[in-house]
PDB file of N, CA and C in Angstrom:
ATOM      1  N   MET A   1      89.043  52.348   9.726  1.00  0.00           N
ATOM      2  CA  MET A   1      90.079  51.168   9.540  1.00  0.00           C
ATOM      3  C   MET A   1      90.084  50.552   8.414  1.00  0.00           C
ATOM      4  N   ASP A   2      91.260  50.571   7.757  1.00  0.00           N
ATOM      5  CA  ASP A   2      91.625  49.981   6.606  1.00  0.00           C
ATOM      6  C   ASP A   2      92.423  48.490   7.150  1.00  0.00           C
ATOM      7  N   VAL A   3      91.665  47.810   6.293  1.00  0.00           N
ATOM      8  CA  VAL A   3      92.394  46.167   6.803  1.00  0.00           C
ATOM      9  C   VAL A   3      92.841  45.904   5.201  1.00  0.00           C
ATOM     10  N   PRO A   4      94.285  45.338   4.963  1.00  0.00           N
ATOM     11  CA  PRO A   4      94.681  45.009   3.495  1.00  0.00           C
ATOM     12  C   PRO A   4      93.855  43.757   3.523  1.00  0.00           C
ATOM     13  N   LEU A   5      93.680  43.649   1.951  1.00  0.00           N
ATOM     14  CA  LEU A   5      92.516  42.438   1.604  1.00  0.00           C
ATOM     15  C   LEU A   5      93.338  40.914   1.916  1.00  0.00           C
ATOM     16  N   TRP A   6      94.178  41.029   1.730  1.00  0.00           N
ATOM     17  CA  TRP A   6      94.940  39.736   1.904  1.00  0.00           C
ATOM     18  C   TRP A   6      94.685  39.155   3.521  1.00  0.00           C
ATOM     19  N   LEU A   7      94.864  39.962   4.311  1.00  0.00           N
ATOM     20  CA  LEU A   7      94.451  40.138   6.113  1.00  0.00           C
ATOM     21  C   LEU A   7      93.075  39.607   6.089  1.00  0.00           C
ATOM     22  N   ALA A   8      92.446  40.279   5.107  1.00  0.00           N
ATOM     23  CA  ALA A   8      90.650  39.950   5.755  1.00  0.00           C
ATOM     24  C   ALA A   8      90.505  38.865   5.194  1.00  0.00           C
ATOM     25  N   LEU A   9      90.913  38.326   3.992  1.00  0.00           N
ATOM     26  CA  LEU A   9      90.996  36.790   3.456  1.00  0.00           C
ATOM     27  C   LEU A   9      91.341  36.061   4.209  1.00  0.00           C
ATOM     28  N   LEU A  10      92.442  36.046   4.911  1.00  0.00           N
ATOM     29  CA  LEU A  10      93.305  35.204   5.789  1.00  0.00           C
ATOM     30  C   LEU A  10      92.206  34.822   6.627  1.00  0.00           C
ATOM     31  N   ALA A  11      91.741  36.065   7.460  1.00  0.00           N
ATOM     32  CA  ALA A  11      90.732  35.977   8.559  1.00  0.00           C
ATOM     33  C   ALA A  11      89.518  34.914   8.701  1.00  0.00           C
ATOM     34  N   VAL A  12      88.909  35.368   7.124  1.00  0.00           N
ATOM     35  CA  VAL A  12      87.809  34.625   7.107  1.00  0.00           C
ATOM     36  C   VAL A  12      88.261  33.384   6.608  1.00  0.00           C
ATOM     37  N   GLY A  13      88.814  32.818   6.092  1.00  0.00           N
ATOM     38  CA  GLY A  13      89.466  31.287   5.743  1.00  0.00           C
ATOM     39  C   GLY A  13      89.788  31.059   7.103  1.00  0.00           C
ATOM     40  N   ALA A  14      90.298  31.210   8.061  1.00  0.00           N
ATOM     41  CA  ALA A  14      90.493  30.905   9.420  1.00  0.00           C
ATOM     42  C   ALA A  14      89.288  30.490  10.240  1.00  0.00           C
ATOM     43  N   LEU A  15      88.436  31.516  10.016  1.00  0.00           N
ATOM     44  CA  LEU A  15      87.149  31.607  10.889  1.00  0.00           C
ATOM     45  C   LEU A  15      86.418  30.210  10.255  1.00  0.00           C
ATOM     46  N   GLY A  16      86.372  30.430   8.676  1.00  0.00           N
ATOM     47  CA  GLY A  16      85.699  29.384   8.092  1.00  0.00           C
ATOM     48  C   GLY A  16      85.795  27.960   7.883  1.00  0.00           C
ATOM     49  N   THR A  17      87.239  28.126   8.119  1.00  0.00           N
ATOM     50  CA  THR A  17      87.744  26.397   8.495  1.00  0.00           C
ATOM     51  C   THR A  17      87.643  25.861   9.561  1.00  0.00           C
ATOM     52  N   LYS A  18      87.636  26.506  10.628  1.00  0.00           N
ATOM     53  CA  LYS A  18      87.661  26.404  12.428  1.00  0.00           C
ATOM     54  C   LYS A  18      85.885  25.926  12.423  1.00  0.00           C
ATOM     55  N   LEU A  19      84.980  26.551  12.111  1.00  0.00           N
ATOM     56  CA  LEU A  19      83.548  26.798  12.347  1.00  0.00           C
ATOM     57  C   LEU A  19      82.911  25.413  11.036  1.00  0.00           C
ATOM     58  N   VAL A  20      83.092  25.490  10.117  1.00  0.00           N
ATOM     59  CA  VAL A  20      82.203  24.761   9.100  1.00  0.00           C
ATOM     60  C   VAL A  20      83.254  23.349   8.473  1.00  0.00           C
ATOM     61  N   ARG A  21      84.416  23.481   8.812  1.00  0.00           N
ATOM     62  CA  ARG A  21      85.390  22.537   8.410  1.00  0.00           C
ATOM     63  C   ARG A  21      85.434  22.025   6.802  1.00  0.00           C
ATOM     64  N   PRO A  22      85.475  22.469   5.899  1.00  0.00           N
ATOM     65  CA  PRO A  22      85.121  22.252   4.461  1.00  0.00           C
ATOM     66  C   PRO A  22      86.361  21.641   4.000  1.00  0.00           C
ATOM     67  N   PRO A  23      86.455  20.950   2.858  1.00  0.00           N
ATOM     68  CA  PRO A  23      87.671  20.363   2.538  1.00  0.00           C
ATOM     69  C   PRO A  23      88.682  21.488   2.276  1.00  0.00           C
ATOM     70  N   TRP A  24      90.058  21.685   2.216  1.00  0.00           N
ATOM     71  CA  TRP A  24      90.885  22.182   2.107  1.00  0.00           C
ATOM     72  C   TRP A  24      91.070  23.066   0.905  1.00  0.00           C
ATOM     73  N   TRP A  25      90.614  21.729  -0.332  1.00  0.00           N
ATOM     74  CA  TRP A  25      90.745  22.442  -1.762  1.00  0.00           C
ATOM     75  C   TRP A  25      89.699  23.555  -1.890  1.00  0.00           C
ATOM     76  N   LEU A  26      88.469  23.227  -0.778  1.00  0.00           N
ATOM     77  CA  LEU A  26      87.663  24.484  -1.430  1.00  0.00           C
ATOM     78  C   LEU A  26      87.498  26.068  -0.621  1.00  0.00           C
ATOM     79  N   VAL A  27      88.322  25.492   0.268  1.00  0.00           N
ATOM     80  CA  VAL A  27      89.090  26.748   0.892  1.00  0.00           C
ATOM     81  C   VAL A  27      89.865  27.863   0.091  1.00  0.00           C
ATOM     82  N   ALA A  28      91.042  26.736  -0.629  1.00  0.00           N
ATOM     83  CA  ALA A  28      91.783  27.655  -1.578  1.00  0.00           C
ATOM     84  C   ALA A  28      90.753  28.172  -2.432  1.00  0.00           C
ATOM     85  N   VAL A  29      89.918  27.424  -3.129  1.00  0.00           N
ATOM     86  CA  VAL A  29      89.656  28.093  -4.229  1.00  0.00           C
ATOM     87  C   VAL A  29      88.971  28.915  -4.110  1.00  0.00           C
ATOM     88  N   LEU A  30      87.810  29.185  -3.275  1.00  0.00           N
ATOM     89  CA  LEU A  30      87.344  30.671  -2.862  1.00  0.00           C
ATOM     90  C   LEU A  30      87.830  31.310  -2.627  1.00  0.00           C
ATOM     91  N   LEU A  31      89.172  31.320  -1.567  1.00  0.00           N
ATOM     92  CA  LEU A  31      90.085  32.470  -1.343  1.00  0.00           C
ATOM     93  C   LEU A  31      90.669  33.084  -2.467  1.00  0.00           C
ATOM     94  N   LEU A  32      91.167  32.176  -3.115  1.00  0.00           N
ATOM     95  CA  LEU A  32      92.090  32.673  -4.645  1.00  0.00           C
ATOM     96  C   LEU A  32      91.000  33.257  -5.654  1.00  0.00           C
ATOM     97  N   GLY A  33      90.093  32.623  -5.675  1.00  0.00           N
ATOM     98  CA  GLY A  33      88.721  33.108  -6.653  1.00  0.00           C
ATOM     99  C   GLY A  33      88.194  34.913  -6.064  1.00  0.00           C
ATOM    100  N   GLY A  34      88.037  34.759  -4.703  1.00  0.00           N
ATOM    101  CA  GLY A  34      87.991  35.903  -4.408  1.00  0.00           C
ATOM    102  C   GLY A  34      88.731  37.442  -4.192  1.00  0.00           C
ATOM    103  N   TYR A  35      90.329  36.804  -4.337  1.00  0.00           N
ATOM    104  CA  TYR A  35      91.341  37.662  -4.868  1.00  0.00           C
ATOM    105  C   TYR A  35      91.278  38.232  -5.584  1.00  0.00           C
ATOM    106  N   LEU A  36      91.071  37.069  -6.517  1.00  0.00           N
ATOM    107  CA  LEU A  36      91.249  37.911  -7.889  1.00  0.00           C
ATOM    108  C   LEU A  36      89.978  38.628  -8.569  1.00  0.00           C
ATOM    109  N   VAL A  37      89.269  38.041  -8.135  1.00  0.00           N
ATOM    110  CA  VAL A  37      87.602  38.797  -8.384  1.00  0.00           C
ATOM    111  C   VAL A  37      88.100  40.363  -7.976  1.00  0.00           C
ATOM    112  N   ALA A  38      88.286  40.421  -7.119  1.00  0.00           N
ATOM    113  CA  ALA A  38      88.650  41.884  -5.851  1.00  0.00           C
ATOM    114  C   ALA A  38      89.362  42.731  -6.695  1.00  0.00           C
ATOM    115  N   ASP A  39      90.168  42.245  -7.835  1.00  0.00           N
ATOM    116  CA  ASP A  39      91.303  43.471  -8.429  1.00  0.00           C
ATOM    117  C   ASP A  39      90.750  43.187 -10.030  1.00  0.00           C
ATOM    118  N   SER A  40      89.674  42.586 -10.333  1.00  0.00           N
ATOM    119  CA  SER A  40      88.803  42.704 -11.473  1.00  0.00           C
ATOM    120  C   SER A  40      88.205  43.518 -11.959  1.00  0.00           C
ATOM    121  N   PHE A  41      87.778  43.489 -13.152  1.00  0.00           N
ATOM    122  CA  PHE A  41      87.059  44.658 -13.583  1.00  0.00           C
ATOM    123  C   PHE A  41      85.347  44.737 -13.295  1.00  0.00           C
ATOM    124  N   LEU A  42      85.235  43.125 -12.859  1.00  0.00           N
ATOM    125  CA  LEU A  42      83.980  42.442 -12.052  1.00  0.00           C
ATOM    126  C   LEU A  42      83.732  43.175 -10.477  1.00  0.00           C
ATOM    127  N   ALA A  43      84.725  44.095  -9.938  1.00  0.00           N
ATOM    128  CA  ALA A  43      84.873  44.471  -8.763  1.00  0.00           C
ATOM    129  C   ALA A  43      83.479  45.852  -8.554  1.00  0.00           C
ATOM    130  N   PRO A  44      83.967  46.876  -9.248  1.00  0.00           N
ATOM    131  CA  PRO A  44      82.716  47.794  -9.227  1.00  0.00           C
ATOM    132  C   PRO A  44      81.301  47.026  -9.178  1.00  0.00           C
ATOM    133  N   ALA A  45      80.794  46.043  -9.860  1.00  0.00           N
ATOM    134  CA  ALA A  45      79.573  45.661 -10.008  1.00  0.00           C
ATOM    135  C   ALA A  45      79.606  44.824  -8.785  1.00  0.00           C
ATOM    136  N   ILE A  46      80.437  43.863  -8.123  1.00  0.00           N
ATOM    137  CA  ILE A  46      79.948  43.323  -7.091  1.00  0.00           C
ATOM    138  C   ILE A  46      79.974  44.414  -5.837  1.00  0.00           C
ATOM    139  N   ALA A  47      80.630  45.417  -5.988  1.00  0.00           N
ATOM    140  CA  ALA A  47      80.646  46.259  -4.901  1.00  0.00           C
ATOM    141  C   ALA A  47      79.082  47.022  -4.828  1.00  0.00           C
ATOM    142  N   THR A  48      78.558  46.934  -6.102  1.00  0.00           N
ATOM    143  CA  THR A  48      76.898  47.915  -5.835  1.00  0.00           C
ATOM    144  C   THR A  48      75.985  46.353  -5.461  1.00  0.00           C
ATOM    145  N   VAL A  49      76.199  45.350  -5.835  1.00  0.00           N
ATOM    146  CA  VAL A  49      75.381  44.249  -5.339  1.00  0.00           C
ATOM    147  C   VAL A  49      75.669  44.347  -3.886  1.00  0.00           C
ATOM    148  N   VAL A  50      76.752  44.325  -2.977  1.00  0.00           N
ATOM    149  CA  VAL A  50      76.974  44.178  -2.032  1.00  0.00           C
ATOM    150  C   VAL A  50      76.239  45.141  -1.180  1.00  0.00           C
ATOM    151  N   LYS A  51      76.419  46.418  -1.564  1.00  0.00           N
ATOM    152  CA  LYS A  51      76.220  47.682  -0.992  1.00  0.00           C
ATOM    153  C   LYS A  51      74.666  47.748  -1.115  1.00  0.00           C
TER     154      LYS A  51
END
């Protein structure tokens, strides 16, 4: 199943906010940073580390 990146980030952000209750600005920075890194030249390096 292929899930769009924005939908996966939204789901992770919603679950994280409900479970951990971090500050809203921290959630925004992590989500935006993850989205930007996923489309950058660092994506292949991160993919090899994650796998």
